Amino acid sequence: MSSLNHPRTLLNNALQPMYGAAVHDHVRWEVYSQGPSNATTWYATIYIDDQNFGYASAPTRGAAQDAAAQQAYEHLKQEKSTRNDL
């Protein structure tokens, strides 16, 4: 996967026009794992301005964050599309 198509990169690029260099002040991650070390499941939730924009679980931390970031990105795209239709 190209770094430009990486879910966290796409999300960051979508948030830049709204927040500029202060993106990290508006985004918060909650990431944790559960289960035995040979079968750990990672959980990631991403909040933008304290609103839940994505939640995912996966066998690795990065995969969970990527899936949650993809959800957030899709949510932002849908919001933008809805606003443009008004």
PDB file of N, CA and C in Angstrom:
ATOM      1  N   MET A   1       0.855  -1.182   0.000  1.00  0.00           N
ATOM      2  CA  MET A   1       0.000   0.000   0.000  1.00  0.00           C
ATOM      3  C   MET A   1       0.892   1.233   0.000  1.00  0.00           C
ATOM      4  N   SER A   2       0.599   2.131  -0.911  1.00  0.00           N
ATOM      5  CA  SER A   2       1.331   3.393  -0.959  1.00  0.00           C
ATOM      6  C   SER A   2       1.065   4.192   0.305  1.00  0.00           C
ATOM      7  N   SER A   3       2.082   4.914   0.777  1.00  0.00           N
ATOM      8  CA  SER A   3       1.890   5.705   1.993  1.00  0.00           C
ATOM      9  C   SER A   3       0.818   6.779   1.800  1.00  0.00           C
ATOM     10  N   LEU A   4       0.581   7.205   0.551  1.00  0.00           N
ATOM     11  CA  LEU A   4      -0.457   8.198   0.291  1.00  0.00           C
ATOM     12  C   LEU A   4      -1.852   7.601   0.420  1.00  0.00           C
ATOM     13  N   ASN A   5      -1.970   6.286   0.286  1.00  0.00           N
ATOM     14  CA  ASN A   5      -3.264   5.613   0.403  1.00  0.00           C
ATOM     15  C   ASN A   5      -3.449   4.972   1.766  1.00  0.00           C
ATOM     16  N   HIS A   6      -2.505   5.162   2.654  1.00  0.00           N
ATOM     17  CA  HIS A   6      -2.584   4.591   3.994  1.00  0.00           C
ATOM     18  C   HIS A   6      -3.740   5.264   4.734  1.00  0.00           C
ATOM     19  N   PRO A   7      -4.589   4.503   5.429  1.00  0.00           N
ATOM     20  CA  PRO A   7      -5.769   5.096   6.067  1.00  0.00           C
ATOM     21  C   PRO A   7      -5.466   6.257   7.018  1.00  0.00           C
ATOM     22  N   ARG A   8      -4.413   6.141   7.807  1.00  0.00           N
ATOM     23  CA  ARG A   8      -4.110   7.245   8.733  1.00  0.00           C
ATOM     24  C   ARG A   8      -3.605   8.471   7.984  1.00  0.00           C
ATOM     25  N   THR A   9      -2.908   8.265   6.880  1.00  0.00           N
ATOM     26  CA  THR A   9      -2.450   9.384   6.052  1.00  0.00           C
ATOM     27  C   THR A   9      -3.634  10.058   5.374  1.00  0.00           C
ATOM     28  N   LEU A  10      -4.547   9.260   4.814  1.00  0.00           N
ATOM     29  CA  LEU A  10      -5.740   9.819   4.179  1.00  0.00           C
ATOM     30  C   LEU A  10      -6.542  10.656   5.172  1.00  0.00           C
ATOM     31  N   LEU A  11      -6.708  10.124   6.377  1.00  0.00           N
ATOM     32  CA  LEU A  11      -7.459  10.841   7.394  1.00  0.00           C
ATOM     33  C   LEU A  11      -6.765  12.147   7.764  1.00  0.00           C
ATOM     34  N   ASN A  12      -5.464  12.095   7.990  1.00  0.00           N
ATOM     35  CA  ASN A  12      -4.718  13.299   8.322  1.00  0.00           C
ATOM     36  C   ASN A  12      -4.843  14.338   7.215  1.00  0.00           C
ATOM     37  N   ASN A  13      -4.727  13.900   5.965  1.00  0.00           N
ATOM     38  CA  ASN A  13      -4.838  14.823   4.838  1.00  0.00           C
ATOM     39  C   ASN A  13      -6.233  15.431   4.740  1.00  0.00           C
ATOM     40  N   ALA A  14      -7.267  14.665   5.111  1.00  0.00           N
ATOM     41  CA  ALA A  14      -8.631  15.188   5.094  1.00  0.00           C
ATOM     42  C   ALA A  14      -8.853  16.200   6.213  1.00  0.00           C
ATOM     43  N   LEU A  15      -8.162  16.022   7.333  1.00  0.00           N
ATOM     44  CA  LEU A  15      -8.340  16.917   8.479  1.00  0.00           C
ATOM     45  C   LEU A  15      -7.501  18.196   8.381  1.00  0.00           C
ATOM     46  N   GLN A  16      -6.444  18.167   7.597  1.00  0.00           N
ATOM     47  CA  GLN A  16      -5.555  19.325   7.478  1.00  0.00           C
ATOM     48  C   GLN A  16      -6.282  20.605   7.065  1.00  0.00           C
ATOM     49  N   PRO A  17      -7.167  20.569   6.059  1.00  0.00           N
ATOM     50  CA  PRO A  17      -7.850  21.821   5.684  1.00  0.00           C
ATOM     51  C   PRO A  17      -8.740  22.382   6.796  1.00  0.00           C
ATOM     52  N   MET A  18      -9.228  21.511   7.674  1.00  0.00           N
ATOM     53  CA  MET A  18     -10.112  21.964   8.750  1.00  0.00           C
ATOM     54  C   MET A  18      -9.336  22.495   9.944  1.00  0.00           C
ATOM     55  N   TYR A  19      -8.208  21.853  10.274  1.00  0.00           N
ATOM     56  CA  TYR A  19      -7.503  22.179  11.513  1.00  0.00           C
ATOM     57  C   TYR A  19      -6.064  22.646  11.328  1.00  0.00           C
ATOM     58  N   GLY A  20      -5.546  22.557  10.122  1.00  0.00           N
ATOM     59  CA  GLY A  20      -4.164  22.966   9.877  1.00  0.00           C
ATOM     60  C   GLY A  20      -3.193  22.165  10.718  1.00  0.00           C
ATOM     61  N   ALA A  21      -2.192  22.835  11.225  1.00  0.00           N
ATOM     62  CA  ALA A  21      -1.149  22.176  12.010  1.00  0.00           C
ATOM     63  C   ALA A  21      -1.655  21.679  13.365  1.00  0.00           C
ATOM     64  N   ALA A  22      -2.858  22.086  13.749  1.00  0.00           N
ATOM     65  CA  ALA A  22      -3.413  21.700  15.061  1.00  0.00           C
ATOM     66  C   ALA A  22      -4.233  20.414  15.001  1.00  0.00           C
ATOM     67  N   VAL A  23      -4.092  19.624  13.936  1.00  0.00           N
ATOM     68  CA  VAL A  23      -4.865  18.378  13.807  1.00  0.00           C
ATOM     69  C   VAL A  23      -4.761  17.530  15.066  1.00  0.00           C
ATOM     70  N   HIS A  24      -3.560  17.387  15.585  1.00  0.00           N
ATOM     71  CA  HIS A  24      -3.361  16.496  16.730  1.00  0.00           C
ATOM     72  C   HIS A  24      -4.048  17.004  17.997  1.00  0.00           C
ATOM     73  N   ASP A  25      -4.411  18.271  18.025  1.00  0.00           N
ATOM     74  CA  ASP A  25      -5.176  18.800  19.161  1.00  0.00           C
ATOM     75  C   ASP A  25      -6.645  18.379  19.091  1.00  0.00           C
ATOM     76  N   HIS A  26      -7.089  17.926  17.928  1.00  0.00           N
ATOM     77  CA  HIS A  26      -8.495  17.585  17.719  1.00  0.00           C
ATOM     78  C   HIS A  26      -8.737  16.082  17.620  1.00  0.00           C
ATOM     79  N   VAL A  27      -7.669  15.308  17.518  1.00  0.00           N
ATOM     80  CA  VAL A  27      -7.782  13.859  17.342  1.00  0.00           C
ATOM     81  C   VAL A  27      -7.255  13.159  18.584  1.00  0.00           C
ATOM     82  N   ARG A  28      -8.035  12.178  19.043  1.00  0.00           N
ATOM     83  CA  ARG A  28      -7.620  11.391  20.215  1.00  0.00           C
ATOM     84  C   ARG A  28      -7.869   9.915  19.909  1.00  0.00           C
ATOM     85  N   TRP A  29      -6.879   9.111  20.256  1.00  0.00           N
ATOM     86  CA  TRP A  29      -6.985   7.668  20.086  1.00  0.00           C
ATOM     87  C   TRP A  29      -7.113   6.989  21.444  1.00  0.00           C
ATOM     88  N   GLU A  30      -7.939   5.956  21.501  1.00  0.00           N
ATOM     89  CA  GLU A  30      -7.940   5.024  22.620  1.00  0.00           C
ATOM     90  C   GLU A  30      -7.581   3.676  22.020  1.00  0.00           C
ATOM     91  N   VAL A  31      -6.481   3.096  22.473  1.00  0.00           N
ATOM     92  CA  VAL A  31      -6.015   1.827  21.928  1.00  0.00           C
ATOM     93  C   VAL A  31      -5.659   0.914  23.092  1.00  0.00           C
ATOM     94  N   TYR A  32      -6.148  -0.310  23.035  1.00  0.00           N
ATOM     95  CA  TYR A  32      -5.830  -1.275  24.084  1.00  0.00           C
ATOM     96  C   TYR A  32      -5.893  -2.686  23.505  1.00  0.00           C
ATOM     97  N   SER A  33      -5.341  -3.621  24.233  1.00  0.00           N
ATOM     98  CA  SER A  33      -5.355  -5.017  23.796  1.00  0.00           C
ATOM     99  C   SER A  33      -5.948  -5.894  24.875  1.00  0.00           C
ATOM    100  N   GLN A  34      -6.454  -7.041  24.447  1.00  0.00           N
ATOM    101  CA  GLN A  34      -6.979  -8.047  25.355  1.00  0.00           C
ATOM    102  C   GLN A  34      -6.608  -9.417  24.827  1.00  0.00           C
ATOM    103  N   GLY A  35      -6.517 -10.355  25.757  1.00  0.00           N
ATOM    104  CA  GLY A  35      -6.267 -11.730  25.368  1.00  0.00           C
ATOM    105  C   GLY A  35      -4.847 -12.151  25.665  1.00  0.00           C
ATOM    106  N   PRO A  36      -4.598 -13.445  25.511  1.00  0.00           N
ATOM    107  CA  PRO A  36      -3.253 -13.971  25.764  1.00  0.00           C
ATOM    108  C   PRO A  36      -2.267 -13.490  24.702  1.00  0.00           C
ATOM    109  N   SER A  37      -0.996 -13.529  25.043  1.00  0.00           N
ATOM    110  CA  SER A  37       0.029 -12.987  24.135  1.00  0.00           C
ATOM    111  C   SER A  37       0.071 -13.711  22.795  1.00  0.00           C
ATOM    112  N   ASN A  38      -0.373 -14.956  22.741  1.00  0.00           N
ATOM    113  CA  ASN A  38      -0.352 -15.676  21.464  1.00  0.00           C
ATOM    114  C   ASN A  38      -1.644 -15.479  20.664  1.00  0.00           C
ATOM    115  N   ALA A  39      -2.613 -14.757  21.219  1.00  0.00           N
ATOM    116  CA  ALA A  39      -3.878 -14.512  20.518  1.00  0.00           C
ATOM    117  C   ALA A  39      -4.458 -13.161  20.943  1.00  0.00           C
ATOM    118  N   THR A  40      -3.624 -12.144  20.919  1.00  0.00           N
ATOM    119  CA  THR A  40      -4.041 -10.808  21.351  1.00  0.00           C
ATOM    120  C   THR A  40      -4.947 -10.170  20.313  1.00  0.00           C
ATOM    121  N   THR A  41      -5.960  -9.493  20.786  1.00  0.00           N
ATOM    122  CA  THR A  41      -6.810  -8.673  19.929  1.00  0.00           C
ATOM    123  C   THR A  41      -6.630  -7.228  20.364  1.00  0.00           C
ATOM    124  N   TRP A  42      -6.362  -6.373  19.382  1.00  0.00           N
ATOM    125  CA  TRP A  42      -6.204  -4.940  19.633  1.00  0.00           C
ATOM    126  C   TRP A  42      -7.485  -4.217  19.265  1.00  0.00           C
ATOM    127  N   TYR A  43      -7.814  -3.205  20.057  1.00  0.00           N
ATOM    128  CA  TYR A  43      -9.007  -2.394  19.850  1.00  0.00           C
ATOM    129  C   TYR A  43      -8.577  -0.932  19.734  1.00  0.00           C
ATOM    130  N   ALA A  44      -9.136  -0.241  18.750  1.00  0.00           N
ATOM    131  CA  ALA A  44      -8.795   1.168  18.554  1.00  0.00           C
ATOM    132  C   ALA A  44     -10.074   1.963  18.307  1.00  0.00           C
ATOM    133  N   THR A  45     -10.163   3.092  18.984  1.00  0.00           N
ATOM    134  CA  THR A  45     -11.256   4.038  18.779  1.00  0.00           C
ATOM    135  C   THR A  45     -10.634   5.392  18.492  1.00  0.00           C
ATOM    136  N   ILE A  46     -11.134   6.064  17.486  1.00  0.00           N
ATOM    137  CA  ILE A  46     -10.637   7.398  17.161  1.00  0.00           C
ATOM    138  C   ILE A  46     -11.752   8.412  17.401  1.00  0.00           C
ATOM    139  N   TYR A  47     -11.371   9.469  18.092  1.00  0.00           N
ATOM    140  CA  TYR A  47     -12.291  10.564  18.389  1.00  0.00           C
ATOM    141  C   TYR A  47     -11.781  11.819  17.688  1.00  0.00           C
ATOM    142  N   ILE A  48     -12.687  12.522  17.059  1.00  0.00           N
ATOM    143  CA  ILE A  48     -12.371  13.821  16.471  1.00  0.00           C
ATOM    144  C   ILE A  48     -13.273  14.824  17.178  1.00  0.00           C
ATOM    145  N   ASP A  49     -12.647  15.773  17.833  1.00  0.00           N
ATOM    146  CA  ASP A  49     -13.386  16.736  18.661  1.00  0.00           C
ATOM    147  C   ASP A  49     -14.331  16.017  19.625  1.00  0.00           C
ATOM    148  N   ASP A  50     -13.799  14.976  20.240  1.00  0.00           N
ATOM    149  CA  ASP A  50     -14.495  14.178  21.255  1.00  0.00           C
ATOM    150  C   ASP A  50     -15.713  13.413  20.737  1.00  0.00           C
ATOM    151  N   GLN A  51     -15.854  13.290  19.431  1.00  0.00           N
ATOM    152  CA  GLN A  51     -16.905  12.453  18.848  1.00  0.00           C
ATOM    153  C   GLN A  51     -16.264  11.190  18.296  1.00  0.00           C
ATOM    154  N   ASN A  52     -16.884  10.049  18.561  1.00  0.00           N
ATOM    155  CA  ASN A  52     -16.381   8.776  18.056  1.00  0.00           C
ATOM    156  C   ASN A  52     -16.606   8.722  16.546  1.00  0.00           C
ATOM    157  N   PHE A  53     -15.501   8.623  15.799  1.00  0.00           N
ATOM    158  CA  PHE A  53     -15.589   8.553  14.342  1.00  0.00           C
ATOM    159  C   PHE A  53     -15.204   7.188  13.800  1.00  0.00           C
ATOM    160  N   GLY A  54     -14.674   6.296  14.657  1.00  0.00           N
ATOM    161  CA  GLY A  54     -14.306   4.980  14.175  1.00  0.00           C
ATOM    162  C   GLY A  54     -13.873   4.071  15.298  1.00  0.00           C
ATOM    163  N   TYR A  55     -14.202   2.789  15.145  1.00  0.00           N
ATOM    164  CA  TYR A  55     -13.832   1.778  16.130  1.00  0.00           C
ATOM    165  C   TYR A  55     -13.531   0.500  15.378  1.00  0.00           C
ATOM    166  N   ALA A  56     -12.467  -0.183  15.772  1.00  0.00           N
ATOM    167  CA  ALA A  56     -12.116  -1.431  15.096  1.00  0.00           C
ATOM    168  C   ALA A  56     -11.310  -2.334  16.024  1.00  0.00           C
ATOM    169  N   SER A  57     -11.307  -3.595  15.691  1.00  0.00           N
ATOM    170  CA  SER A  57     -10.448  -4.563  16.377  1.00  0.00           C
ATOM    171  C   SER A  57      -9.699  -5.355  15.319  1.00  0.00           C
ATOM    172  N   ALA A  58      -8.495  -5.784  15.683  1.00  0.00           N
ATOM    173  CA  ALA A  58      -7.638  -6.515  14.741  1.00  0.00           C
ATOM    174  C   ALA A  58      -6.540  -7.227  15.528  1.00  0.00           C
ATOM    175  N   PRO A  59      -5.820  -8.123  14.881  1.00  0.00           N
ATOM    176  CA  PRO A  59      -4.760  -8.851  15.579  1.00  0.00           C
ATOM    177  C   PRO A  59      -3.523  -8.008  15.904  1.00  0.00           C
ATOM    178  N   THR A  60      -3.368  -6.845  15.248  1.00  0.00           N
ATOM    179  CA  THR A  60      -2.235  -5.977  15.552  1.00  0.00           C
ATOM    180  C   THR A  60      -2.735  -4.571  15.852  1.00  0.00           C
ATOM    181  N   ARG A  61      -1.925  -3.839  16.605  1.00  0.00           N
ATOM    182  CA  ARG A  61      -2.278  -2.463  16.959  1.00  0.00           C
ATOM    183  C   ARG A  61      -2.455  -1.607  15.705  1.00  0.00           C
ATOM    184  N   GLY A  62      -1.501  -1.686  14.809  1.00  0.00           N
ATOM    185  CA  GLY A  62      -1.544  -0.881  13.591  1.00  0.00           C
ATOM    186  C   GLY A  62      -2.756  -1.189  12.733  1.00  0.00           C
ATOM    187  N   ALA A  63      -3.101  -2.462  12.613  1.00  0.00           N
ATOM    188  CA  ALA A  63      -4.261  -2.842  11.804  1.00  0.00           C
ATOM    189  C   ALA A  63      -5.547  -2.308  12.425  1.00  0.00           C
ATOM    190  N   ALA A  64      -5.645  -2.342  13.739  1.00  0.00           N
ATOM    191  CA  ALA A  64      -6.835  -1.804  14.412  1.00  0.00           C
ATOM    192  C   ALA A  64      -6.927  -0.294  14.190  1.00  0.00           C
ATOM    193  N   GLN A  65      -5.802   0.405  14.320  1.00  0.00           N
ATOM    194  CA  GLN A  65      -5.814   1.856  14.102  1.00  0.00           C
ATOM    195  C   GLN A  65      -6.112   2.189  12.642  1.00  0.00           C
ATOM    196  N   ASP A  66      -5.561   1.409  11.730  1.00  0.00           N
ATOM    197  CA  ASP A  66      -5.832   1.655  10.310  1.00  0.00           C
ATOM    198  C   ASP A  66      -7.315   1.485   9.994  1.00  0.00           C
ATOM    199  N   ALA A  67      -7.925   0.437  10.527  1.00  0.00           N
ATOM    200  CA  ALA A  67      -9.345   0.184  10.259  1.00  0.00           C
ATOM    201  C   ALA A  67     -10.217   1.292  10.869  1.00  0.00           C
ATOM    202  N   ALA A  68      -9.888   1.734  12.065  1.00  0.00           N
ATOM    203  CA  ALA A  68     -10.644   2.821  12.695  1.00  0.00           C
ATOM    204  C   ALA A  68     -10.450   4.124  11.913  1.00  0.00           C
ATOM    205  N   ALA A  69      -9.227   4.380  11.456  1.00  0.00           N
ATOM    206  CA  ALA A  69      -8.947   5.580  10.661  1.00  0.00           C
ATOM    207  C   ALA A  69      -9.712   5.541   9.341  1.00  0.00           C
ATOM    208  N   GLN A  70      -9.808   4.357   8.728  1.00  0.00           N
ATOM    209  CA  GLN A  70     -10.562   4.217   7.480  1.00  0.00           C
ATOM    210  C   GLN A  70     -12.034   4.549   7.702  1.00  0.00           C
ATOM    211  N   GLN A  71     -12.591   4.084   8.822  1.00  0.00           N
ATOM    212  CA  GLN A  71     -13.982   4.406   9.144  1.00  0.00           C
ATOM    213  C   GLN A  71     -14.157   5.920   9.309  1.00  0.00           C
ATOM    214  N   ALA A  72     -13.235   6.531  10.029  1.00  0.00           N
ATOM    215  CA  ALA A  72     -13.314   7.978  10.252  1.00  0.00           C
ATOM    216  C   ALA A  72     -13.214   8.728   8.927  1.00  0.00           C
ATOM    217  N   TYR A  73     -12.311   8.303   8.064  1.00  0.00           N
ATOM    218  CA  TYR A  73     -12.143   8.938   6.762  1.00  0.00           C
ATOM    219  C   TYR A  73     -13.427   8.834   5.929  1.00  0.00           C
ATOM    220  N   GLU A  74     -14.014   7.638   5.902  1.00  0.00           N
ATOM    221  CA  GLU A  74     -15.259   7.434   5.146  1.00  0.00           C
ATOM    222  C   GLU A  74     -16.380   8.300   5.728  1.00  0.00           C
ATOM    223  N   HIS A  75     -16.425   8.397   7.040  1.00  0.00           N
ATOM    224  CA  HIS A  75     -17.436   9.229   7.704  1.00  0.00           C
ATOM    225  C   HIS A  75     -17.264  10.700   7.297  1.00  0.00           C
ATOM    226  N   LEU A  76     -16.027  11.181   7.300  1.00  0.00           N
ATOM    227  CA  LEU A  76     -15.761  12.570   6.899  1.00  0.00           C
ATOM    228  C   LEU A  76     -16.129  12.809   5.435  1.00  0.00           C
ATOM    229  N   LYS A  77     -15.814  11.835   4.568  1.00  0.00           N
ATOM    230  CA  LYS A  77     -16.163  11.970   3.148  1.00  0.00           C
ATOM    231  C   LYS A  77     -17.677  12.063   2.981  1.00  0.00           C
ATOM    232  N   GLN A  78     -18.405  11.237   3.723  1.00  0.00           N
ATOM    233  CA  GLN A  78     -19.862  11.245   3.640  1.00  0.00           C
ATOM    234  C   GLN A  78     -20.419  12.581   4.153  1.00  0.00           C
ATOM    235  N   GLU A  79     -19.862  13.067   5.264  1.00  0.00           N
ATOM    236  CA  GLU A  79     -20.300  14.361   5.794  1.00  0.00           C
ATOM    237  C   GLU A  79     -20.073  15.476   4.782  1.00  0.00           C
ATOM    238  N   LYS A  80     -18.904  15.467   4.159  1.00  0.00           N
ATOM    239  CA  LYS A  80     -18.574  16.509   3.177  1.00  0.00           C
ATOM    240  C   LYS A  80     -19.517  16.424   1.979  1.00  0.00           C
ATOM    241  N   SER A  81     -19.809  15.210   1.534  1.00  0.00           N
ATOM    242  CA  SER A  81     -20.711  15.020   0.416  1.00  0.00           C
ATOM    243  C   SER A  81     -22.108  15.525   0.759  1.00  0.00           C
ATOM    244  N   THR A  82     -22.566  15.244   1.957  1.00  0.00           N
ATOM    245  CA  THR A  82     -23.883  15.695   2.400  1.00  0.00           C
ATOM    246  C   THR A  82     -23.937  17.227   2.454  1.00  0.00           C
ATOM    247  N   ARG A  83     -22.885  17.845   2.971  1.00  0.00           N
ATOM    248  CA  ARG A  83     -22.854  19.312   3.030  1.00  0.00           C
ATOM    249  C   ARG A  83     -22.859  19.928   1.648  1.00  0.00           C
ATOM    250  N   ASN A  84     -22.150  19.292   0.720  1.00  0.00           N
ATOM    251  CA  ASN A  84     -22.087  19.830  -0.650  1.00  0.00           C
ATOM    252  C   ASN A  84     -23.421  19.680  -1.367  1.00  0.00           C
ATOM    253  N   ASP A  85     -24.250  18.722  -0.946  1.00  0.00           N
ATOM    254  CA  ASP A  85     -25.544  18.513  -1.568  1.00  0.00           C
ATOM    255  C   ASP A  85     -26.592  19.519  -1.086  1.00  0.00           C
ATOM    256  N   LEU A  86     -26.302  20.207   0.011  1.00  0.00           N
ATOM    257  CA  LEU A  86     -27.295  21.139   0.564  1.00  0.00           C
ATOM    258  C   LEU A  86     -27.380  22.415  -0.229  1.00  0.00           C
TER     259      LEU A  86
END
